[in-house]
Amino acid sequence: MSEAIVENGDHIIIPQSSTQNLREEEDIQENDIPMEQLTAFQKTKKFIMTLAGFVGPGFMVAVGYLDPGNWATDLAAGSQYGYLLLFIILLSNLMAVLLQSMCVRLGVVKGLDLAQLCRRVFPRWAYLILYVLTELAIMATDLAEVIGSAIALKLLFKIPMFWGVLVTAADVMMILFAWKPENFRYFEFLIFGLVFTCAICLFIVTGKSNPVFSDVMYGFLPKWDIITAPGALYVSVGIIGATVMPHNLYLHSSIVQQRSGFKANHAEEVNEVSSNGDANSLIRETDTQLVSRLRNIPTFLQMSWLDSAIALTFALFVNASILIISSANFYTIGRTDIAEIPDAFNLIGELLGSAFATVFATALLISGQSSTITGTMAGQIIMEGFLGGEIKIQPWVRRLVTRLLAITPPLICIVWFGENRLNDLLILSQIVLSLQLPFAVWPLIYFTSSKQFMTVTFVNDEAEWNGNELANEEHSNIFANEDELVELDNPPQEIVKCFANHTITTVLAVIVGLLLTIFNVILLVQVATGNT
């Protein structure tokens, strides 16, 4: 049964999670036993069972790293540059792991998603600009999903592209009608099944392509040609935009709260954020259940980070396999023209047989549909987070409008320029995503690196808090200053805990933000001078 919390006009429904039951059962059976007295098997079992309860949000986010936009950029990269840009796929995945870990930290500790915190902290004009930019990113994501799904429908069922694009407008409505917060876990299982099926299809085709292992490994090393080769930086930025997607940062910081069971609405916030941006994130609560949740924040962070790291590593292999398929089947035989998805389908059919071509197209359709599910969720989270109660729009109305806006460019492209130009539009959508990315990354870095926002205060009867044993005794974590503990003299029971990013994490995040910004500036210069 779900619990409804209402604060400042925002209605938030928090479904009960099986994770909470799992933790309560573990508390009864094993928490009374000191960690050092557990056998290796018991420790491993406890760790795996705890992690299993947190698996889900990472794969929901990983879907965005496997959408049709990735297919277009990876196929173009492999056919034109061989294995050269495998390093960019690896680099963008490492960036994603870092940024998503910060989203986890924000959602678990603050109990707010990135959009909600931007609205509470920034001036109205600033967060409205961010909202518009984020909606543009959602539309670019929609555009990729529309084109990719329409291409897959044509390859599999011979449906004309024009009608295939129109069909994609219906899937969003089906998702919205089926979506309820209490069904969240079912959506996670559905997404996991779709992602796993897509990956199996691509791995089969990769194996049949017989790539040269040494060349593949060499492709993961950085090379100066990535900057100097004509057009390579353009495709590289497209890969980054297709991998580290802006809406995923908002999505992850929201859905991870379903696991932690903690939202800011559960506690009384001291000094509500004012219009001039002044904020204080200290949370006071004497409720026993909330104190227990706060004490378990280290475990929530550790397990949620592992969930996203595992899912994104899985996505890394899938993205790399698409580029490897393209390179092995196009570049190595002298077909260095930019491959499009239908080209890859036809060539795979010629070289490997129609069955493998069908598997390839099925994986594309699955990736488009699974991305539509998470894109729909992200769009709703972003609108509610940035606008709150300012504008009352039914979810289906908002999603229908954005999907109609997304299908307009491909329909115009088909009518005026023909289907052959759709791949250019698909890659362009990923460039737009990359250009939007810094506007989501820099606020995320600012919030998670600040002790002002990432400090929690609570009242506890115990004089000392060592955190959760599983997180502190079994694992070390460079992603936070989790060793910072301040006990106040008056009253002695009031404990302050800081979960801001570790200095190393902040430095790495700033480097990532600078790289993304610099890459985009260089790209804009190249586009302006006609060098792409």
Protein backbone atom coordinates (compact mmCIF):
# COMPACT_ATOMS: atom_id res chain seq x y z
CA MET A 1 0.00 0.00 0.00
CA SER A 2 1.40 3.39 -0.90
CA GLU A 3 1.88 6.37 1.29
CA ALA A 4 0.98 9.84 0.03
CA ILE A 5 2.97 12.86 1.15
CA VAL A 6 1.84 16.43 0.40
CA GLU A 7 4.10 19.47 0.74
CA ASN A 8 3.77 22.96 -0.77
CA GLY A 9 1.18 21.71 -3.24
CA ASP A 10 3.44 18.95 -4.60
CA HIS A 11 1.78 15.54 -4.39
CA ILE A 12 4.33 12.76 -4.23
CA ILE A 13 3.40 9.10 -4.03
CA ILE A 14 5.96 6.81 -2.50
CA PRO A 15 5.29 3.12 -3.19
CA GLN A 16 6.42 0.53 -0.70
CA SER A 17 9.45 -1.29 -2.09
CA SER A 18 10.45 -4.87 -1.70
CA THR A 19 13.85 -3.46 -0.82
CA GLN A 20 12.51 -2.14 2.48
CA ASN A 21 11.14 -5.57 3.39
CA LEU A 22 14.47 -7.11 2.45
CA ARG A 23 16.38 -4.73 4.70
CA GLU A 24 13.96 -5.27 7.59
CA GLU A 25 14.31 -9.05 7.27
CA GLU A 26 18.08 -8.76 7.25
CA ASP A 27 17.97 -6.49 10.29
CA ILE A 28 16.10 -9.19 12.23
CA GLN A 29 18.23 -12.13 11.15
CA GLU A 30 21.79 -10.87 10.83
CA ASN A 31 22.23 -7.32 12.07
CA ASP A 32 22.56 -8.50 15.66
CA ILE A 33 25.64 -10.50 14.65
CA PRO A 34 28.84 -8.41 14.51
CA MET A 35 30.27 -8.27 10.99
CA GLU A 36 33.58 -9.77 12.09
CA GLN A 37 31.77 -12.88 13.39
CA LEU A 38 30.06 -13.61 10.07
CA THR A 39 31.56 -16.27 7.83
CA ALA A 40 32.77 -15.37 4.34
CA PHE A 41 29.67 -17.05 2.90
CA GLN A 42 27.35 -15.06 5.18
CA LYS A 43 29.09 -11.80 4.28
CA THR A 44 28.84 -12.59 0.57
CA LYS A 45 25.20 -13.61 0.90
CA LYS A 46 24.36 -10.46 2.83
CA PHE A 47 26.10 -8.31 0.24
CA ILE A 48 24.42 -10.01 -2.75
CA MET A 49 20.96 -9.93 -1.15
CA THR A 50 21.35 -6.26 -0.31
CA LEU A 51 22.57 -5.43 -3.82
CA ALA A 52 19.73 -7.41 -5.41
CA GLY A 53 17.21 -5.16 -3.71
CA PHE A 54 18.78 -2.11 -5.34
CA VAL A 55 19.11 -3.43 -8.89
CA GLY A 56 16.74 -1.63 -11.24
CA PRO A 57 17.24 2.14 -11.49
CA GLY A 58 20.65 1.66 -13.10
CA PHE A 59 19.16 -0.36 -15.94
CA MET A 60 16.33 2.14 -16.32
CA VAL A 61 19.00 4.77 -16.93
CA ALA A 62 21.15 2.45 -19.08
CA VAL A 63 18.33 2.28 -21.62
CA GLY A 64 19.17 5.85 -22.62
CA TYR A 65 22.67 4.66 -23.50
CA LEU A 66 21.27 2.11 -25.98
CA ASP A 67 18.70 4.17 -27.87
CA PRO A 68 18.61 4.48 -31.70
CA GLY A 69 20.73 7.63 -31.51
CA ASN A 70 23.60 5.49 -30.25
CA TRP A 71 23.08 3.12 -33.15
CA ALA A 72 23.37 5.91 -35.71
CA THR A 73 26.50 7.48 -34.23
CA ASP A 74 28.21 4.14 -33.53
CA LEU A 75 27.49 2.82 -37.02
CA ALA A 76 28.79 6.05 -38.56
CA ALA A 77 31.91 5.94 -36.37
CA GLY A 78 32.70 2.32 -37.19
CA SER A 79 32.21 2.57 -40.93
CA GLN A 80 34.15 5.82 -41.35
CA TYR A 81 36.93 5.52 -38.76
CA GLY A 82 37.19 1.81 -37.96
CA TYR A 83 37.89 1.14 -34.30
CA LEU A 84 39.37 4.63 -33.70
CA LEU A 85 36.39 5.97 -31.74
CA LEU A 86 36.05 3.01 -29.39
CA PHE A 87 38.04 5.18 -26.98
CA ILE A 88 35.28 7.82 -27.13
CA ILE A 89 32.70 5.17 -26.24
CA LEU A 90 34.85 4.12 -23.27
CA LEU A 91 35.44 7.74 -22.22
CA SER A 92 31.78 8.68 -22.45
CA ASN A 93 30.85 5.61 -20.41
CA LEU A 94 33.32 6.54 -17.66
CA MET A 95 31.84 10.04 -17.67
CA ALA A 96 28.39 8.51 -17.35
CA VAL A 97 29.36 6.34 -14.37
CA LEU A 98 30.76 9.39 -12.56
CA LEU A 99 27.80 11.65 -13.32
CA GLN A 100 25.18 9.01 -12.52
CA SER A 101 26.88 8.30 -9.18
CA MET A 102 26.45 11.98 -8.37
CA CYS A 103 22.77 11.76 -9.32
CA VAL A 104 22.41 8.86 -6.90
CA ARG A 105 24.04 10.92 -4.17
CA LEU A 106 21.74 13.88 -4.78
CA GLY A 107 18.56 11.82 -4.81
CA VAL A 108 19.38 9.67 -1.77
CA VAL A 109 20.85 12.35 0.49
CA LYS A 110 18.77 15.36 -0.41
CA GLY A 111 15.54 13.51 -1.15
CA LEU A 112 15.01 15.74 -4.19
CA ASP A 113 15.73 15.23 -7.86
CA LEU A 114 17.90 17.61 -9.86
CA ALA A 115 14.96 19.51 -11.35
CA GLN A 116 13.30 20.06 -7.96
CA LEU A 117 16.50 21.37 -6.40
CA CYS A 118 17.13 23.73 -9.33
CA ARG A 119 13.65 25.18 -8.81
CA ARG A 120 14.22 25.64 -5.07
CA VAL A 121 17.67 27.20 -5.34
CA PHE A 122 17.95 29.15 -8.60
CA PRO A 123 16.04 32.33 -9.53
CA ARG A 124 12.87 31.79 -11.51
CA TRP A 125 14.33 33.03 -14.80
CA ALA A 126 17.31 30.69 -14.43
CA TYR A 127 15.41 27.49 -13.74
CA LEU A 128 12.89 28.27 -16.49
CA ILE A 129 15.76 28.56 -18.98
CA LEU A 130 17.09 25.22 -17.75
CA TYR A 131 13.62 23.75 -18.12
CA VAL A 132 13.29 24.90 -21.73
CA LEU A 133 16.74 23.53 -22.59
CA THR A 134 15.90 20.22 -20.94
CA GLU A 135 12.62 19.96 -22.84
CA LEU A 136 14.58 20.53 -26.06
CA ALA A 137 16.84 17.66 -25.05
CA ILE A 138 13.77 15.47 -24.44
CA MET A 139 12.50 16.34 -27.92
CA ALA A 140 15.87 15.45 -29.44
CA THR A 141 15.72 12.13 -27.61
CA ASP A 142 12.18 11.60 -28.86
CA LEU A 143 13.33 12.36 -32.37
CA ALA A 144 15.93 9.59 -32.22
CA GLU A 145 13.41 7.12 -30.81
CA VAL A 146 10.85 8.00 -33.49
CA ILE A 147 13.27 7.61 -36.39
CA GLY A 148 14.90 4.46 -35.01
CA SER A 149 11.58 2.74 -34.34
CA ALA A 150 10.22 3.74 -37.76
CA ILE A 151 13.32 2.34 -39.47
CA ALA A 152 12.97 -0.91 -37.53
CA LEU A 153 9.29 -1.20 -38.47
CA LYS A 154 10.17 -0.76 -42.13
CA LEU A 155 12.98 -3.32 -42.02
CA LEU A 156 10.88 -5.91 -40.18
CA PHE A 157 7.37 -5.37 -41.54
CA LYS A 158 7.88 -3.24 -44.69
CA ILE A 159 5.84 -0.40 -43.19
CA PRO A 160 6.58 2.86 -45.08
CA MET A 161 8.63 5.33 -43.07
CA PHE A 162 5.92 8.00 -43.11
CA TRP A 163 3.38 5.68 -41.49
CA GLY A 164 6.00 4.17 -39.20
CA VAL A 165 6.71 7.63 -37.78
CA LEU A 166 3.00 8.16 -37.13
CA VAL A 167 2.70 4.76 -35.43
CA THR A 168 5.35 5.77 -32.90
CA ALA A 169 3.03 8.47 -31.54
CA ALA A 170 0.73 5.76 -30.19
CA ASP A 171 3.27 3.90 -28.04
CA VAL A 172 3.66 6.88 -25.71
CA MET A 173 -0.05 6.90 -24.94
CA MET A 174 0.01 3.18 -24.16
CA ILE A 175 2.87 3.69 -21.69
CA LEU A 176 1.15 6.60 -19.95
CA PHE A 177 -2.09 4.68 -19.53
CA ALA A 178 -0.21 1.73 -18.01
CA TRP A 179 2.05 3.83 -15.78
CA LYS A 180 1.28 3.98 -12.07
CA PRO A 181 3.80 4.52 -9.25
CA GLU A 182 2.89 1.20 -7.67
CA ASN A 183 3.77 -0.51 -10.98
CA PHE A 184 7.29 0.91 -10.94
CA ARG A 185 8.95 -2.44 -10.16
CA TYR A 186 7.12 -4.09 -13.08
CA PHE A 187 8.43 -1.41 -15.42
CA GLU A 188 11.93 -2.14 -14.14
CA PHE A 189 11.56 -5.83 -14.94
CA LEU A 190 10.21 -4.97 -18.38
CA ILE A 191 13.11 -2.64 -19.10
CA PHE A 192 15.65 -5.18 -17.88
CA GLY A 193 14.14 -7.84 -20.14
CA LEU A 194 14.18 -5.53 -23.17
CA VAL A 195 17.76 -4.42 -22.57
CA PHE A 196 18.96 -7.99 -22.05
CA THR A 197 17.21 -9.17 -25.23
CA CYS A 198 18.67 -6.28 -27.23
CA ALA A 199 22.16 -7.07 -25.93
CA ILE A 200 21.92 -10.78 -26.76
CA CYS A 201 20.88 -9.93 -30.33
CA LEU A 202 23.83 -7.59 -30.82
CA PHE A 203 26.34 -9.94 -29.19
CA ILE A 204 25.26 -12.71 -31.58
CA VAL A 205 25.78 -10.47 -34.61
CA THR A 206 29.12 -9.25 -33.23
CA GLY A 207 30.38 -12.81 -32.85
CA LYS A 208 29.38 -13.66 -36.41
CA SER A 209 31.21 -10.56 -37.71
CA ASN A 210 34.59 -12.07 -36.69
CA PRO A 211 36.34 -8.85 -35.57
CA VAL A 212 40.12 -8.85 -35.03
CA PHE A 213 40.57 -8.84 -31.25
CA SER A 214 43.90 -6.97 -31.22
CA ASP A 215 42.49 -4.19 -33.40
CA VAL A 216 39.48 -3.89 -31.12
CA MET A 217 41.67 -3.57 -28.02
CA TYR A 218 43.87 -0.98 -29.74
CA GLY A 219 40.77 1.06 -30.50
CA PHE A 220 40.16 1.62 -26.78
CA LEU A 221 43.43 3.61 -26.51
CA PRO A 222 43.38 7.43 -26.94
CA LYS A 223 44.77 8.83 -30.20
CA TRP A 224 45.34 12.33 -31.53
CA ASP A 225 43.55 11.38 -34.75
CA ILE A 226 40.27 11.75 -32.85
CA ILE A 227 40.85 15.52 -32.93
CA THR A 228 42.65 15.88 -36.27
CA ALA A 229 40.79 13.42 -38.54
CA PRO A 230 38.16 15.28 -40.63
CA GLY A 231 34.73 14.92 -39.07
CA ALA A 232 35.94 12.64 -36.26
CA LEU A 233 35.27 15.21 -33.54
CA TYR A 234 31.75 15.79 -34.89
CA VAL A 235 30.96 12.09 -34.62
CA SER A 236 32.75 11.91 -31.24
CA VAL A 237 30.57 14.64 -29.78
CA GLY A 238 27.57 12.82 -31.21
CA ILE A 239 28.65 9.64 -29.39
CA ILE A 240 29.03 11.57 -26.13
CA GLY A 241 25.62 13.19 -26.60
CA ALA A 242 24.07 9.81 -27.38
CA THR A 243 25.68 8.23 -24.32
CA VAL A 244 25.60 10.84 -21.54
CA MET A 245 22.06 12.07 -22.06
CA PRO A 246 20.84 15.14 -20.12
CA HIS A 247 17.43 13.72 -19.19
CA ASN A 248 19.08 10.67 -17.60
CA LEU A 249 20.63 12.89 -14.92
CA TYR A 250 17.18 14.13 -13.90
CA LEU A 251 15.63 10.67 -14.20
CA HIS A 252 18.21 8.86 -12.06
CA SER A 253 18.15 11.42 -9.24
CA SER A 254 14.40 10.83 -8.99
CA ILE A 255 13.90 7.07 -9.39
CA VAL A 256 16.75 6.18 -7.02
CA GLN A 257 14.59 7.59 -4.22
CA GLN A 258 12.23 4.66 -4.70
CA ARG A 259 15.00 2.47 -3.27
CA SER A 260 16.13 4.69 -0.41
CA GLY A 261 12.56 5.28 0.75
CA PHE A 262 13.58 8.79 1.77
CA LYS A 263 12.33 12.07 0.36
CA ALA A 264 12.75 15.59 1.64
CA ASN A 265 9.01 15.64 2.28
CA HIS A 266 9.50 13.17 5.13
CA ALA A 267 11.29 15.72 7.24
CA GLU A 268 11.02 19.31 8.29
CA GLU A 269 13.54 21.34 6.34
CA VAL A 270 15.30 24.02 8.34
CA ASN A 271 15.35 27.42 6.61
CA GLU A 272 13.31 26.86 3.42
CA VAL A 273 15.11 27.95 0.26
CA SER A 274 14.37 31.57 -0.50
CA SER A 275 14.04 33.33 -3.83
CA ASN A 276 17.59 34.69 -3.70
CA GLY A 277 19.05 31.19 -3.79
CA ASP A 278 19.97 30.93 -0.10
CA ALA A 279 19.61 27.30 0.98
CA ASN A 280 20.06 25.11 4.01
CA SER A 281 19.67 21.38 3.59
CA LEU A 282 19.85 20.40 7.26
CA ILE A 283 17.04 18.00 8.03
CA ARG A 284 15.68 17.44 11.51
CA GLU A 285 13.47 14.54 12.46
CA THR A 286 12.99 12.41 15.52
CA ASP A 287 10.93 9.74 13.77
CA THR A 288 12.56 6.35 14.40
CA GLN A 289 12.00 5.09 10.86
CA LEU A 290 13.54 8.19 9.32
CA VAL A 291 16.56 8.00 11.62
CA SER A 292 17.04 4.40 10.51
CA ARG A 293 16.94 5.47 6.88
CA LEU A 294 19.42 8.26 7.48
CA ARG A 295 21.75 5.83 9.22
CA ASN A 296 21.59 3.59 6.16
CA ILE A 297 22.46 6.30 3.65
CA PRO A 298 26.00 4.87 3.16
CA THR A 299 24.49 1.54 2.14
CA PHE A 300 21.97 3.22 -0.15
CA LEU A 301 24.80 5.12 -1.84
CA GLN A 302 27.07 2.09 -2.12
CA MET A 303 24.44 -0.26 -3.50
CA SER A 304 22.88 2.30 -5.85
CA TRP A 305 26.32 3.16 -7.23
CA LEU A 306 27.05 -0.52 -7.87
CA ASP A 307 23.67 -0.89 -9.58
CA SER A 308 24.41 1.95 -12.00
CA ALA A 309 28.04 0.89 -12.53
CA ILE A 310 26.99 -2.66 -13.46
CA ALA A 311 24.23 -1.45 -15.78
CA LEU A 312 26.43 1.13 -17.51
CA THR A 313 29.27 -1.37 -17.96
CA PHE A 314 26.71 -3.60 -19.63
CA ALA A 315 25.73 -0.65 -21.86
CA LEU A 316 29.41 -0.07 -22.70
CA PHE A 317 29.71 -3.55 -24.22
CA VAL A 318 26.48 -3.10 -26.16
CA ASN A 319 27.56 0.26 -27.62
CA ALA A 320 31.01 -1.08 -28.43
CA SER A 321 29.45 -4.07 -30.18
CA ILE A 322 27.47 -1.78 -32.53
CA LEU A 323 30.65 0.06 -33.54
CA ILE A 324 32.54 -3.24 -33.90
CA ILE A 325 29.80 -4.65 -36.14
CA SER A 326 30.02 -1.56 -38.34
CA SER A 327 33.81 -1.56 -38.49
CA ALA A 328 34.13 -5.30 -39.14
CA ASN A 329 31.49 -5.33 -41.88
CA PHE A 330 32.10 -1.94 -43.53
CA TYR A 331 35.46 -0.33 -42.76
CA THR A 332 37.59 -3.48 -43.11
CA ILE A 333 36.27 -4.19 -46.62
CA GLY A 334 36.77 -0.62 -47.84
CA ARG A 335 33.21 0.62 -47.31
CA THR A 336 34.29 3.82 -45.53
CA ASP A 337 31.22 5.82 -46.46
CA ILE A 338 29.02 6.66 -43.48
CA ALA A 339 26.89 3.59 -42.80
CA GLU A 340 23.23 4.02 -42.06
CA ILE A 341 21.02 1.57 -40.19
CA PRO A 342 19.38 0.15 -43.37
CA ASP A 343 22.86 -0.29 -44.89
CA ALA A 344 23.96 -2.30 -41.88
CA PHE A 345 20.78 -4.38 -42.05
CA ASN A 346 21.29 -5.19 -45.75
CA LEU A 347 24.99 -5.97 -45.41
CA ILE A 348 24.44 -8.22 -42.39
CA GLY A 349 21.80 -10.03 -44.42
CA GLU A 350 24.27 -10.54 -47.27
CA LEU A 351 27.21 -11.63 -45.12
CA LEU A 352 25.55 -13.46 -42.25
CA GLY A 353 22.09 -14.35 -43.50
CA SER A 354 18.57 -12.96 -43.20
CA ALA A 355 18.07 -14.44 -39.73
CA PHE A 356 20.88 -12.32 -38.27
CA ALA A 357 19.61 -9.24 -40.11
CA THR A 358 16.20 -9.82 -38.51
CA VAL A 359 17.83 -10.15 -35.10
CA PHE A 360 19.66 -6.86 -35.72
CA ALA A 361 16.43 -5.02 -36.65
CA THR A 362 14.57 -6.56 -33.70
CA ALA A 363 17.23 -5.23 -31.33
CA LEU A 364 16.79 -1.78 -32.88
CA LEU A 365 13.02 -1.86 -32.37
CA ILE A 366 13.44 -3.01 -28.76
CA SER A 367 15.93 -0.22 -28.04
CA GLY A 368 13.54 2.38 -29.43
CA GLN A 369 10.58 1.14 -27.41
CA SER A 370 12.49 0.77 -24.14
CA SER A 371 13.92 4.27 -24.57
CA THR A 372 10.39 5.56 -25.10
CA ILE A 373 9.37 4.19 -21.70
CA THR A 374 12.18 5.91 -19.80
CA GLY A 375 11.89 9.06 -21.91
CA THR A 376 8.22 9.32 -20.98
CA MET A 377 9.05 8.96 -17.29
CA ALA A 378 11.91 11.48 -17.50
CA GLY A 379 9.77 14.07 -19.25
CA GLN A 380 7.13 13.92 -16.53
CA ILE A 381 9.74 14.13 -13.76
CA ILE A 382 11.38 17.13 -15.42
CA MET A 383 8.13 19.04 -15.89
CA GLU A 384 6.92 18.42 -12.33
CA GLY A 385 10.34 19.18 -10.88
CA PHE A 386 10.93 22.48 -12.66
CA LEU A 387 7.38 23.80 -12.73
CA GLY A 388 5.87 22.21 -9.62
CA GLY A 389 2.37 23.59 -9.18
CA GLU A 390 2.90 26.58 -11.50
CA ILE A 391 1.35 24.85 -14.51
CA LYS A 392 -1.20 22.07 -14.22
CA ILE A 393 -0.86 19.82 -17.28
CA GLN A 394 -2.06 16.25 -17.49
CA PRO A 395 0.85 13.86 -18.18
CA TRP A 396 -0.74 12.51 -21.37
CA VAL A 397 -1.29 16.04 -22.73
CA ARG A 398 2.32 17.04 -22.15
CA ARG A 399 3.70 13.82 -23.60
CA LEU A 400 1.42 13.96 -26.64
CA VAL A 401 2.55 17.51 -27.40
CA THR A 402 6.26 16.67 -27.11
CA ARG A 403 5.86 13.52 -29.22
CA LEU A 404 3.95 15.43 -31.90
CA LEU A 405 6.73 18.00 -31.93
CA ALA A 406 9.25 15.17 -32.23
CA ILE A 407 7.57 13.48 -35.20
CA THR A 408 7.20 16.74 -37.15
CA PRO A 409 10.87 17.06 -38.29
CA PRO A 410 11.13 13.48 -39.64
CA LEU A 411 7.79 13.81 -41.44
CA ILE A 412 8.97 17.05 -43.07
CA CYS A 413 12.30 15.42 -43.90
CA ILE A 414 10.58 12.44 -45.55
CA VAL A 415 8.24 14.63 -47.61
CA TRP A 416 10.80 17.22 -48.73
CA PHE A 417 14.14 15.41 -48.81
CA GLY A 418 13.28 11.71 -48.82
CA GLU A 419 14.03 8.89 -46.41
CA ASN A 420 17.76 8.94 -47.21
CA ARG A 421 18.29 12.10 -45.15
CA LEU A 422 16.77 10.69 -41.96
CA ASN A 423 20.12 9.33 -40.76
CA ASP A 424 21.59 12.85 -40.90
CA LEU A 425 18.67 14.05 -38.79
CA LEU A 426 19.25 11.19 -36.35
CA ILE A 427 22.92 12.11 -35.85
CA LEU A 428 22.02 15.81 -35.57
CA SER A 429 19.65 14.99 -32.69
CA GLN A 430 22.58 13.52 -30.77
CA ILE A 431 24.65 16.64 -31.39
CA VAL A 432 21.80 18.70 -29.91
CA LEU A 433 21.82 16.44 -26.84
CA SER A 434 25.54 16.95 -26.38
CA LEU A 435 25.15 20.73 -26.62
CA GLN A 436 22.50 20.61 -23.87
CA LEU A 437 24.56 18.41 -21.57
CA PRO A 438 26.68 21.08 -19.79
CA PHE A 439 23.49 22.83 -18.63
CA ALA A 440 22.60 19.73 -16.62
CA VAL A 441 26.12 18.72 -15.58
CA TRP A 442 27.24 21.98 -13.97
CA PRO A 443 24.24 22.32 -11.59
CA LEU A 444 24.72 18.66 -10.63
CA ILE A 445 28.39 19.26 -9.81
CA TYR A 446 27.52 22.41 -7.85
CA PHE A 447 24.89 20.75 -5.67
CA THR A 448 26.70 17.48 -4.91
CA SER A 449 30.04 19.17 -4.16
CA SER A 450 28.54 21.64 -1.69
CA LYS A 451 28.43 20.82 2.02
CA GLN A 452 25.65 23.39 2.28
CA PHE A 453 23.32 21.15 0.26
CA MET A 454 24.67 17.70 1.12
CA THR A 455 24.67 17.91 4.93
CA VAL A 456 22.04 16.12 7.00
CA THR A 457 21.24 16.82 10.67
CA PHE A 458 19.12 14.47 12.76
CA VAL A 459 18.42 13.70 16.39
CA ASN A 460 19.42 10.31 17.72
CA ASP A 461 19.54 8.81 21.20
CA GLU A 462 22.97 7.37 20.53
CA ALA A 463 25.98 9.58 21.16
CA GLU A 464 27.89 8.23 18.20
CA TRP A 465 26.98 7.24 14.67
CA ASN A 466 29.32 5.03 12.73
CA GLY A 467 27.03 4.66 9.74
CA ASN A 468 25.99 1.36 8.26
CA GLU A 469 28.33 -1.54 8.95
CA LEU A 470 28.02 -2.99 5.50
CA ALA A 471 29.09 0.21 3.81
CA ASN A 472 31.74 1.33 6.26
CA GLU A 473 33.38 -1.96 7.21
CA GLU A 474 33.18 -3.87 3.97
CA HIS A 475 33.68 -1.16 1.37
CA SER A 476 35.60 2.05 0.90
CA ASN A 477 34.06 4.79 -1.18
CA ILE A 478 35.95 7.71 -2.70
CA PHE A 479 32.72 9.25 -3.91
CA ALA A 480 31.90 11.02 -0.65
CA ASN A 481 33.26 12.59 2.48
CA GLU A 482 31.47 9.93 4.51
CA ASP A 483 34.02 10.07 7.30
CA GLU A 484 33.03 13.61 8.25
CA LEU A 485 31.10 13.45 11.52
CA VAL A 486 30.39 16.44 13.68
CA GLU A 487 28.78 16.08 17.11
CA LEU A 488 27.26 19.22 18.49
CA ASP A 489 27.76 20.17 22.13
CA ASN A 490 24.18 21.32 22.64
CA PRO A 491 22.23 19.11 22.42
CA PRO A 492 24.62 16.13 22.47
CA GLN A 493 22.15 13.92 20.59
CA GLU A 494 22.14 16.14 17.47
CA ILE A 495 24.37 14.66 14.78
CA VAL A 496 25.54 16.31 11.57
CA LYS A 497 26.62 14.16 8.64
CA CYS A 498 28.15 15.47 5.40
CA PHE A 499 27.72 13.51 2.17
CA ALA A 500 29.27 16.00 -0.25
CA ASN A 501 31.48 14.67 -3.02
CA HIS A 502 34.99 13.65 -2.12
CA THR A 503 37.59 16.15 -3.35
CA ILE A 504 38.80 13.63 -5.95
CA THR A 505 35.26 13.20 -7.25
CA THR A 506 34.77 16.96 -7.48
CA VAL A 507 38.02 17.40 -9.42
CA LEU A 508 37.10 14.60 -11.84
CA ALA A 509 33.59 16.00 -12.27
CA VAL A 510 34.93 19.48 -13.05
CA ILE A 511 37.31 17.95 -15.61
CA VAL A 512 34.37 16.13 -17.21
CA GLY A 513 32.33 19.33 -17.27
CA LEU A 514 35.20 21.25 -18.86
CA LEU A 515 35.79 18.52 -21.46
CA LEU A 516 32.13 18.50 -22.44
CA THR A 517 32.04 22.29 -22.67
CA ILE A 518 35.31 22.53 -24.64
CA PHE A 519 34.28 19.74 -27.05
CA ASN A 520 31.03 21.56 -27.74
CA VAL A 521 32.79 24.89 -28.32
CA ILE A 522 35.26 23.27 -30.74
CA LEU A 523 32.38 21.57 -32.53
CA LEU A 524 30.47 24.84 -32.91
CA VAL A 525 33.60 26.48 -34.35
CA GLN A 526 34.04 23.61 -36.81
CA VAL A 527 30.40 23.80 -37.87
CA ALA A 528 30.65 27.58 -38.34
CA THR A 529 33.79 27.23 -40.47
CA GLY A 530 32.45 24.29 -42.47
CA ASN A 531 35.09 21.82 -41.25
CA THR A 532 32.73 19.02 -40.13
